[in-house]
Amino acid sequence: MDAMTEDEPSSKRVREETPGKRVNGDASGTPERGDKAKYESDAKPSTASPTSPVRGAYATRESHLRKQERDGELKWEVITNDGVERHSKHLVALKNIFSKQLPNMPKEYIVRLVFDSRHKSMLCMKNGNVIGGITYRPFPKQRMGEIAFCAISANEQVKGYGTRLMNHIKEYAKETENMTHLITFADNNAVGYFQKQGFTKEIMMEREKWNGYIKEYDGGTIMECQLDGQVSYVDFVNQIREQRKAVEAKVREMSTAHKVYNGLKDHFKPSADGKYTPIDVKHIKGLKEAKWERTGLPKFRLVHPGCGDGLPTKENMHKFMRAIVNIVQAHADVWPFGGPVNPIEVPDYYEVRVASGNYYVSLEMFCADFRLMFNNCRLYNSPDTVYFKCANRLETFFESKIAAGINWKVREPPTKR
């Protein structure tokens, strides 16, 4: 494959192949004249409702394409050069698309493969017109197929037809051809497209099964897609939806997270004089059933000087945080963090938030903001810059001071005898 859009295939690398060069593939790769050529996209109708909700851009697009298939606007058909006039006309139309979309491919080479009776072509037909397709050669004894050309006409690209076409060829190869693998030799510009379609550079198929059948070329990458017999490639979205439902049903058997309570509005009702009376949180309905437990003070003591009796109370925690800020501000690597980032230089950096002295209600919040500051510095600066290195050194210093200021070994209070 050569150049292509982000979604659609556009070309296949020029193959310097002489006629009859393939090895051991002539007899096994020749389809019988009586082979079934028609491939209906709705051969396996989904039991899921077509109007059921889907999630994500891919699922939304697939649902739209399935609707086009149900309405008869979009059809898929597998044909070969079997002498049928209608098939010959469609192959000519597909050849013209390949020639236009693959300008670096010799036209004679395209004609030779498209009209070779050992090759098959899956057509993508919209309103009765061929708008794209895949030409491939099956090797039944090896249970694999080689994709030779794959393209969609320019005015129909970036609509999902290329992905849908690949899904249909996978389903057809798996169900009708009994294939376990699809292999192609992709131009470096097409590697990204094939990776999105489930192809990998790591060939898991035994080398003796494809060596001599799939020819390797300079400047490209051989790629493989292993077909899973349990996956419906043309009904993948509904299959995932059903799996999601099954998982959610199993979770409901083990959890009460799906139960929704009325919240606090039933507990906070004003008295006759319009005042609200505080209630104990343990009386809130649903907390006990959710295994809620009252959290006490953190399970550590503050051992930093100036933190009172060391109990992690709000007052002592703020003393510890202020001490850490003063220590960090005195470090030699703090200079990149002395002032706010210039929004003109980095307009997408932040929203300004001035925290009051009582903003940090836990040590975790305090540490999280420091770590966010260090991470942002590394995100917006390359590793070889002084800013990046300062962030690393200062973060190490900060973490060491936090660790030195607390002690997790808390003695249990003595029991009364």
Protein backbone atom coordinates (compact mmCIF):
# COMPACT_ATOMS: atom_id res chain seq x y z
CA MET A 1 0.00 0.00 0.00
CA ASP A 2 1.12 3.56 -0.70
CA ALA A 3 -0.35 6.94 0.33
CA MET A 4 -3.80 7.07 1.94
CA THR A 5 -6.06 9.13 4.08
CA GLU A 6 -6.31 8.52 7.79
CA ASP A 7 -9.31 6.26 7.31
CA GLU A 8 -9.22 4.91 3.79
CA PRO A 9 -6.68 2.81 1.86
CA SER A 10 -5.26 4.43 -1.21
CA SER A 11 -2.57 2.34 -2.83
CA LYS A 12 -0.46 -0.79 -3.02
CA ARG A 13 3.27 -0.75 -3.67
CA VAL A 14 4.52 -1.46 -7.21
CA ARG A 15 5.35 -5.12 -7.40
CA GLU A 16 8.16 -6.15 -9.72
CA GLU A 17 6.75 -9.58 -10.43
CA THR A 18 7.24 -11.52 -13.60
CA PRO A 19 4.40 -13.75 -14.88
CA GLY A 20 4.47 -17.17 -13.28
CA LYS A 21 6.89 -16.09 -10.58
CA ARG A 22 4.76 -17.38 -7.71
CA VAL A 23 5.81 -20.72 -6.27
CA ASN A 24 3.53 -23.65 -5.35
CA GLY A 25 0.44 -21.48 -5.53
CA ASP A 26 -0.98 -22.04 -9.00
CA ALA A 27 -3.17 -25.07 -8.44
CA SER A 28 -4.14 -24.41 -4.85
CA GLY A 29 -5.05 -20.80 -5.49
CA THR A 30 -7.31 -21.34 -8.51
CA PRO A 31 -11.01 -20.94 -7.63
CA GLU A 32 -13.54 -23.29 -9.15
CA ARG A 33 -15.88 -21.78 -11.73
CA GLY A 34 -18.85 -22.84 -9.66
CA ASP A 35 -17.71 -21.06 -6.49
CA LYS A 36 -20.28 -18.86 -4.81
CA ALA A 37 -19.52 -15.30 -5.86
CA LYS A 38 -22.25 -13.27 -4.16
CA TYR A 39 -21.60 -12.17 -0.59
CA GLU A 40 -24.51 -10.52 1.16
CA SER A 41 -23.63 -8.09 3.94
CA ASP A 42 -26.68 -9.06 5.99
CA ALA A 43 -26.10 -12.80 5.87
CA LYS A 44 -25.98 -12.83 9.68
CA PRO A 45 -28.56 -10.35 10.91
CA SER A 46 -27.97 -9.09 14.42
CA THR A 47 -30.50 -9.83 17.12
CA ALA A 48 -29.71 -6.49 18.74
CA SER A 49 -32.04 -3.62 18.12
CA PRO A 50 -30.73 -1.26 15.42
CA THR A 51 -31.97 1.64 17.47
CA SER A 52 -30.16 0.63 20.65
CA PRO A 53 -27.63 3.22 21.82
CA VAL A 54 -24.00 2.97 20.79
CA ARG A 55 -20.94 4.61 22.26
CA GLY A 56 -17.99 6.19 20.55
CA ALA A 57 -17.26 7.56 17.10
CA TYR A 58 -16.40 4.14 15.64
CA ALA A 59 -19.64 2.57 16.88
CA THR A 60 -21.69 5.50 15.62
CA ARG A 61 -20.14 5.31 12.16
CA GLU A 62 -20.53 1.53 11.99
CA SER A 63 -24.21 1.84 12.91
CA HIS A 64 -24.71 4.38 10.11
CA LEU A 65 -23.03 2.06 7.60
CA ARG A 66 -25.14 -0.88 8.77
CA LYS A 67 -28.25 1.23 8.19
CA GLN A 68 -27.06 1.91 4.63
CA GLU A 69 -26.67 -1.84 4.18
CA ARG A 70 -30.16 -2.57 5.52
CA ASP A 71 -31.64 0.10 3.25
CA GLY A 72 -29.92 -1.46 0.23
CA GLU A 73 -27.84 1.64 -0.44
CA LEU A 74 -24.57 -0.12 0.36
CA LYS A 75 -23.82 -3.64 -0.87
CA TRP A 76 -20.84 -5.98 -0.97
CA GLU A 77 -20.14 -8.60 -3.58
CA VAL A 78 -17.25 -10.99 -4.23
CA ILE A 79 -16.56 -11.72 -7.90
CA THR A 80 -13.81 -13.08 -10.11
CA ASN A 81 -13.05 -13.09 -13.83
CA ASP A 82 -15.40 -15.96 -14.64
CA GLY A 83 -16.63 -14.76 -18.04
CA VAL A 84 -19.90 -13.33 -16.74
CA GLU A 85 -20.51 -10.01 -18.52
CA ARG A 86 -21.78 -8.24 -15.40
CA HIS A 87 -18.72 -9.32 -13.42
CA SER A 88 -16.41 -8.16 -16.21
CA LYS A 89 -17.99 -4.69 -16.18
CA HIS A 90 -17.59 -4.43 -12.42
CA LEU A 91 -13.96 -5.54 -12.64
CA VAL A 92 -13.30 -2.84 -15.24
CA ALA A 93 -14.85 -0.25 -12.90
CA LEU A 94 -12.74 -1.51 -10.00
CA LYS A 95 -9.62 -1.51 -12.19
CA ASN A 96 -10.29 2.14 -13.07
CA ILE A 97 -10.53 3.04 -9.37
CA PHE A 98 -7.25 1.27 -8.62
CA SER A 99 -5.56 3.00 -11.57
CA LYS A 100 -6.76 6.43 -10.42
CA GLN A 101 -6.09 5.97 -6.72
CA LEU A 102 -2.77 4.20 -7.26
CA PRO A 103 -1.02 6.48 -9.76
CA ASN A 104 2.39 4.89 -9.18
CA MET A 105 1.10 1.44 -9.99
CA PRO A 106 1.59 0.26 -13.60
CA LYS A 107 -1.82 -0.09 -15.22
CA GLU A 108 -0.78 -3.30 -16.93
CA TYR A 109 0.07 -4.80 -13.55
CA ILE A 110 -3.30 -3.78 -12.10
CA VAL A 111 -5.14 -5.28 -15.07
CA ARG A 112 -3.15 -8.51 -14.85
CA LEU A 113 -4.01 -9.12 -11.19
CA VAL A 114 -7.61 -7.87 -11.22
CA PHE A 115 -8.49 -10.05 -14.22
CA ASP A 116 -6.40 -13.02 -13.10
CA SER A 117 -8.84 -15.86 -12.43
CA ARG A 118 -6.77 -16.88 -9.40
CA HIS A 119 -7.64 -13.56 -7.75
CA LYS A 120 -10.97 -12.49 -6.29
CA SER A 121 -12.31 -9.00 -5.71
CA MET A 122 -14.72 -7.79 -3.06
CA LEU A 123 -16.69 -4.84 -4.41
CA CYS A 124 -18.02 -1.98 -2.35
CA MET A 125 -21.15 -0.89 -4.21
CA LYS A 126 -23.15 2.22 -3.39
CA ASN A 127 -26.49 2.66 -5.14
CA GLY A 128 -25.41 0.04 -7.68
CA ASN A 129 -22.09 1.71 -8.55
CA VAL A 130 -18.65 0.36 -7.68
CA ILE A 131 -16.93 2.86 -5.34
CA GLY A 132 -14.04 0.68 -4.20
CA GLY A 133 -12.88 -2.78 -3.38
CA ILE A 134 -10.17 -5.23 -2.40
CA THR A 135 -8.46 -7.60 -4.80
CA TYR A 136 -6.91 -10.60 -3.09
CA ARG A 137 -5.64 -14.05 -3.87
CA PRO A 138 -6.78 -16.99 -1.72
CA PHE A 139 -4.50 -19.91 -0.90
CA PRO A 140 -6.94 -22.57 0.37
CA LYS A 141 -4.35 -25.17 1.36
CA GLN A 142 -2.50 -22.61 3.45
CA ARG A 143 -5.82 -21.17 4.75
CA MET A 144 -4.60 -17.66 4.03
CA GLY A 145 -5.14 -14.87 1.54
CA GLU A 146 -2.90 -12.15 0.15
CA ILE A 147 -4.37 -8.68 -0.31
CA ALA A 148 -3.04 -7.20 -3.55
CA PHE A 149 -4.99 -3.92 -3.93
CA CYS A 150 -7.27 -1.97 -1.62
CA ALA A 151 -8.79 1.40 -2.52
CA ILE A 152 -11.88 3.60 -2.27
CA SER A 153 -12.72 6.25 -4.87
CA ALA A 154 -11.61 9.74 -3.88
CA ASN A 155 -15.08 11.25 -3.48
CA GLU A 156 -16.14 8.47 -1.08
CA GLN A 157 -13.13 8.48 1.23
CA VAL A 158 -13.09 9.40 4.94
CA LYS A 159 -16.63 8.03 5.37
CA GLY A 160 -15.72 4.71 6.93
CA TYR A 161 -16.10 2.65 3.75
CA GLY A 162 -12.47 1.52 3.83
CA THR A 163 -12.75 0.14 7.36
CA ARG A 164 -16.11 -1.45 6.62
CA LEU A 165 -14.68 -2.99 3.44
CA MET A 166 -11.83 -4.53 5.40
CA ASN A 167 -14.25 -5.87 8.01
CA HIS A 168 -16.33 -7.53 5.29
CA ILE A 169 -13.31 -9.12 3.62
CA LYS A 170 -12.28 -10.53 7.02
CA GLU A 171 -15.74 -11.97 7.62
CA TYR A 172 -15.93 -13.42 4.10
CA ALA A 173 -12.44 -14.91 4.34
CA LYS A 174 -13.24 -16.44 7.72
CA GLU A 175 -16.70 -17.81 6.98
CA THR A 176 -16.63 -18.60 3.25
CA GLU A 177 -12.96 -19.20 2.45
CA ASN A 178 -12.17 -20.87 5.82
CA MET A 179 -9.08 -18.68 6.16
CA THR A 180 -7.18 -18.07 9.37
CA HIS A 181 -4.85 -15.31 8.14
CA LEU A 182 -4.74 -12.35 5.77
CA ILE A 183 -1.32 -11.17 4.65
CA THR A 184 -0.27 -8.13 2.65
CA PHE A 185 2.96 -6.42 1.72
CA ALA A 186 2.38 -2.82 2.78
CA ASP A 187 4.24 0.23 1.64
CA ASN A 188 5.68 2.15 4.58
CA ASN A 189 3.06 4.87 4.08
CA ALA A 190 0.28 2.30 4.47
CA VAL A 191 1.51 0.60 7.63
CA GLY A 192 -0.57 2.92 9.82
CA TYR A 193 -3.78 2.09 7.97
CA PHE A 194 -3.24 -1.65 8.23
CA GLN A 195 -2.38 -1.39 11.92
CA LYS A 196 -5.74 0.28 12.49
CA GLN A 197 -7.37 -2.66 10.72
CA GLY A 198 -5.76 -5.21 13.04
CA PHE A 199 -2.66 -6.08 10.98
CA THR A 200 0.67 -6.49 12.76
CA LYS A 201 4.28 -6.46 11.63
CA GLU A 202 4.95 -9.58 13.68
CA ILE A 203 4.11 -12.60 11.54
CA MET A 204 2.75 -15.34 13.80
CA MET A 205 1.89 -17.73 10.96
CA GLU A 206 4.44 -20.47 10.38
CA ARG A 207 6.95 -19.25 7.81
CA GLU A 208 6.75 -22.44 5.76
CA LYS A 209 3.06 -21.75 5.14
CA TRP A 210 3.55 -18.38 3.47
CA ASN A 211 7.17 -18.36 2.33
CA GLY A 212 7.21 -18.73 -1.44
CA TYR A 213 3.60 -17.63 -1.76
CA ILE A 214 3.93 -14.06 -0.47
CA LYS A 215 6.73 -12.23 -2.21
CA GLU A 216 8.76 -9.71 -0.22
CA TYR A 217 9.89 -6.39 -1.69
CA ASP A 218 12.33 -3.62 -0.82
CA GLY A 219 10.91 -0.53 0.86
CA GLY A 220 7.85 -2.19 2.38
CA THR A 221 6.66 -4.27 5.30
CA ILE A 222 4.94 -7.62 5.30
CA MET A 223 1.94 -7.55 7.65
CA GLU A 224 -0.47 -10.15 8.96
CA CYS A 225 -3.99 -10.20 10.35
CA GLN A 226 -4.99 -13.31 12.27
CA LEU A 227 -8.71 -14.00 11.96
CA ASP A 228 -10.63 -15.00 15.07
CA GLY A 229 -13.41 -17.49 14.48
CA GLN A 230 -15.38 -16.20 17.48
CA VAL A 231 -15.46 -12.57 16.30
CA SER A 232 -18.12 -11.24 13.95
CA TYR A 233 -16.23 -8.56 12.07
CA VAL A 234 -19.34 -7.13 10.38
CA ASP A 235 -21.33 -7.06 13.63
CA PHE A 236 -18.52 -6.11 15.98
CA VAL A 237 -20.33 -3.16 17.58
CA ASN A 238 -23.37 -5.21 18.56
CA GLN A 239 -21.14 -8.02 19.76
CA ILE A 240 -19.31 -5.62 22.08
CA ARG A 241 -22.63 -4.17 23.22
CA GLU A 242 -23.92 -7.63 24.18
CA GLN A 243 -20.68 -8.39 26.02
CA ARG A 244 -20.98 -5.09 27.88
CA LYS A 245 -24.54 -5.96 28.91
CA ALA A 246 -23.38 -9.36 30.17
CA VAL A 247 -20.58 -7.80 32.22
CA GLU A 248 -22.90 -5.16 33.67
CA ALA A 249 -25.45 -7.84 34.60
CA LYS A 250 -22.73 -9.83 36.37
CA VAL A 251 -21.56 -6.72 38.22
CA ARG A 252 -25.14 -6.07 39.39
CA GLU A 253 -25.16 -9.53 40.96
CA MET A 254 -22.05 -8.69 42.99
CA SER A 255 -22.54 -4.98 43.72
CA THR A 256 -25.19 -2.45 44.67
CA ALA A 257 -23.51 0.38 42.79
CA HIS A 258 -26.41 0.51 40.32
CA LYS A 259 -28.89 1.43 43.04
CA VAL A 260 -29.64 5.15 43.11
CA TYR A 261 -30.91 6.76 46.29
CA ASN A 262 -32.67 10.08 46.64
CA GLY A 263 -29.58 11.72 48.05
CA LEU A 264 -29.66 14.24 50.86
CA LYS A 265 -32.73 16.24 49.92
CA ASP A 266 -34.96 14.08 52.13
CA HIS A 267 -32.64 14.57 55.11
CA PHE A 268 -32.17 18.32 54.95
CA LYS A 269 -35.60 19.83 55.45
CA PRO A 270 -35.94 23.18 57.20
CA SER A 271 -37.86 23.47 60.42
CA ALA A 272 -40.80 25.79 60.93
CA ASP A 273 -38.50 28.76 61.47
CA GLY A 274 -36.65 28.03 58.22
CA LYS A 275 -33.46 26.72 59.86
CA TYR A 276 -31.70 23.50 59.03
CA THR A 277 -30.70 21.04 61.72
CA PRO A 278 -27.45 19.12 61.22
CA ILE A 279 -27.72 15.33 61.23
CA ASP A 280 -25.17 12.59 61.70
CA VAL A 281 -23.97 11.21 58.37
CA LYS A 282 -24.45 7.64 59.59
CA HIS A 283 -28.21 8.25 59.46
CA ILE A 284 -28.13 8.85 55.71
CA LYS A 285 -29.97 6.01 54.01
CA GLY A 286 -27.80 3.83 51.82
CA LEU A 287 -24.39 4.56 53.36
CA LYS A 288 -24.48 1.51 55.59
CA GLU A 289 -25.62 -0.70 52.71
CA ALA A 290 -22.73 0.66 50.63
CA LYS A 291 -20.27 -0.51 53.32
CA TRP A 292 -19.37 3.06 54.22
CA GLU A 293 -17.19 3.56 57.25
CA ARG A 294 -16.44 6.77 59.06
CA THR A 295 -12.91 7.88 58.31
CA GLY A 296 -10.88 9.21 61.16
CA LEU A 297 -7.55 10.97 61.11
CA PRO A 298 -4.90 9.75 58.64
CA LYS A 299 -2.92 6.73 59.83
CA PHE A 300 0.37 8.58 60.29
CA ARG A 301 2.03 11.08 62.59
CA LEU A 302 3.81 14.29 61.67
CA VAL A 303 7.44 14.21 62.80
CA HIS A 304 8.49 17.49 61.21
CA PRO A 305 9.55 20.18 63.71
CA GLY A 306 6.87 22.73 64.52
CA CYS A 307 3.90 20.42 63.96
CA GLY A 308 2.64 20.43 67.54
CA ASP A 309 1.88 17.05 69.07
CA GLY A 310 2.27 15.30 65.70
CA LEU A 311 -1.35 14.32 65.28
CA PRO A 312 -2.46 14.93 61.65
CA THR A 313 -5.10 17.46 62.60
CA LYS A 314 -6.08 20.24 60.23
CA GLU A 315 -4.00 22.81 62.10
CA ASN A 316 -0.90 20.62 62.29
CA MET A 317 -1.25 19.59 58.64
CA HIS A 318 -1.30 23.24 57.53
CA LYS A 319 1.82 23.90 59.61
CA PHE A 320 3.54 20.99 57.88
CA MET A 321 2.44 22.16 54.41
CA ARG A 322 3.68 25.71 55.03
CA ALA A 323 7.01 24.33 56.25
CA ILE A 324 7.35 22.21 53.08
CA VAL A 325 6.58 25.24 50.88
CA ASN A 326 9.26 27.29 52.65
CA ILE A 327 11.82 24.49 52.29
CA VAL A 328 11.06 24.01 48.59
CA GLN A 329 11.20 27.76 47.93
CA ALA A 330 14.73 27.80 49.34
CA HIS A 331 15.95 25.07 46.95
CA ALA A 332 18.37 26.03 44.18
CA ASP A 333 16.20 24.47 41.44
CA VAL A 334 12.99 26.31 42.33
CA TRP A 335 13.64 29.30 40.04
CA PRO A 336 11.58 28.00 37.06
CA PHE A 337 8.55 27.78 39.36
CA GLY A 338 8.83 31.18 41.01
CA GLY A 339 6.04 32.77 38.96
CA PRO A 340 3.06 31.83 36.82
CA VAL A 341 3.51 30.64 33.24
CA ASN A 342 3.10 33.38 30.63
CA PRO A 343 -0.29 32.69 28.99
CA ILE A 344 0.87 34.40 25.79
CA GLU A 345 3.70 31.91 25.39
CA VAL A 346 1.62 28.89 26.43
CA PRO A 347 -2.06 29.80 25.90
CA ASP A 348 -3.40 26.29 26.62
CA TYR A 349 -1.52 25.82 29.87
CA TYR A 350 -3.85 26.53 32.74
CA GLU A 351 -6.67 28.33 34.43
CA VAL A 352 -5.58 30.57 37.31
CA ARG A 353 -6.75 29.46 40.73
CA VAL A 354 -5.60 31.25 43.87
CA ALA A 355 -5.84 28.88 46.82
CA SER A 356 -6.61 30.19 50.28
CA GLY A 357 -4.82 28.98 53.37
CA ASN A 358 -7.62 26.52 54.11
CA TYR A 359 -7.86 25.15 50.57
CA TYR A 360 -5.91 21.94 51.19
CA VAL A 361 -8.01 19.70 53.40
CA SER A 362 -5.65 16.74 53.02
CA LEU A 363 -1.99 16.07 52.44
CA GLU A 364 -2.91 14.17 49.27
CA MET A 365 -4.39 17.33 47.69
CA PHE A 366 -1.27 19.29 48.61
CA CYS A 367 1.10 16.71 47.11
CA ALA A 368 -1.08 16.27 44.01
CA ASP A 369 -0.75 19.96 43.09
CA PHE A 370 3.02 19.86 43.50
CA ARG A 371 3.25 16.76 41.31
CA LEU A 372 0.98 18.36 38.73
CA MET A 373 3.33 21.34 38.60
CA PHE A 374 6.32 19.07 37.99
CA ASN A 375 4.46 16.99 35.38
CA ASN A 376 3.34 20.09 33.49
CA CYS A 377 6.91 21.36 33.39
CA ARG A 378 8.05 18.09 31.83
CA LEU A 379 5.09 18.06 29.44
CA TYR A 380 5.83 21.50 27.97
CA ASN A 381 9.63 21.17 27.90
CA SER A 382 11.88 18.63 26.22
CA PRO A 383 14.08 16.34 28.36
CA ASP A 384 17.29 18.10 27.34
CA THR A 385 16.17 21.50 28.71
CA VAL A 386 17.20 22.94 32.06
CA TYR A 387 13.53 23.29 33.03
CA PHE A 388 12.93 19.56 32.62
CA LYS A 389 15.99 18.71 34.71
CA CYS A 390 15.05 21.22 37.42
CA ALA A 391 11.61 19.64 37.67
CA ASN A 392 13.13 16.18 38.17
CA ARG A 393 15.57 17.33 40.86
CA LEU A 394 13.03 19.46 42.69
CA GLU A 395 10.43 16.68 42.65
CA THR A 396 12.93 14.23 44.15
CA PHE A 397 13.74 16.79 46.86
CA PHE A 398 10.04 17.44 47.54
CA GLU A 399 9.18 13.75 47.84
CA SER A 400 12.07 13.16 50.22
CA LYS A 401 10.90 15.97 52.52
CA ILE A 402 7.33 14.67 52.52
CA ALA A 403 8.53 11.16 53.36
CA ALA A 404 10.82 12.48 56.11
CA GLY A 405 8.05 14.55 57.67
CA ILE A 406 5.59 11.74 58.36
CA ASN A 407 5.77 8.43 60.18
CA TRP A 408 3.40 5.62 59.22
CA LYS A 409 4.35 3.42 62.17
CA VAL A 410 1.59 4.46 64.54
CA ARG A 411 1.36 2.64 67.82
CA GLU A 412 -2.01 1.23 68.73
CA PRO A 413 -3.45 2.80 71.90
CA PRO A 414 -3.05 0.56 74.94
CA THR A 415 -6.09 -1.52 75.77
CA LYS A 416 -7.72 -1.12 79.16
CA ARG A 417 -7.52 -4.06 81.51
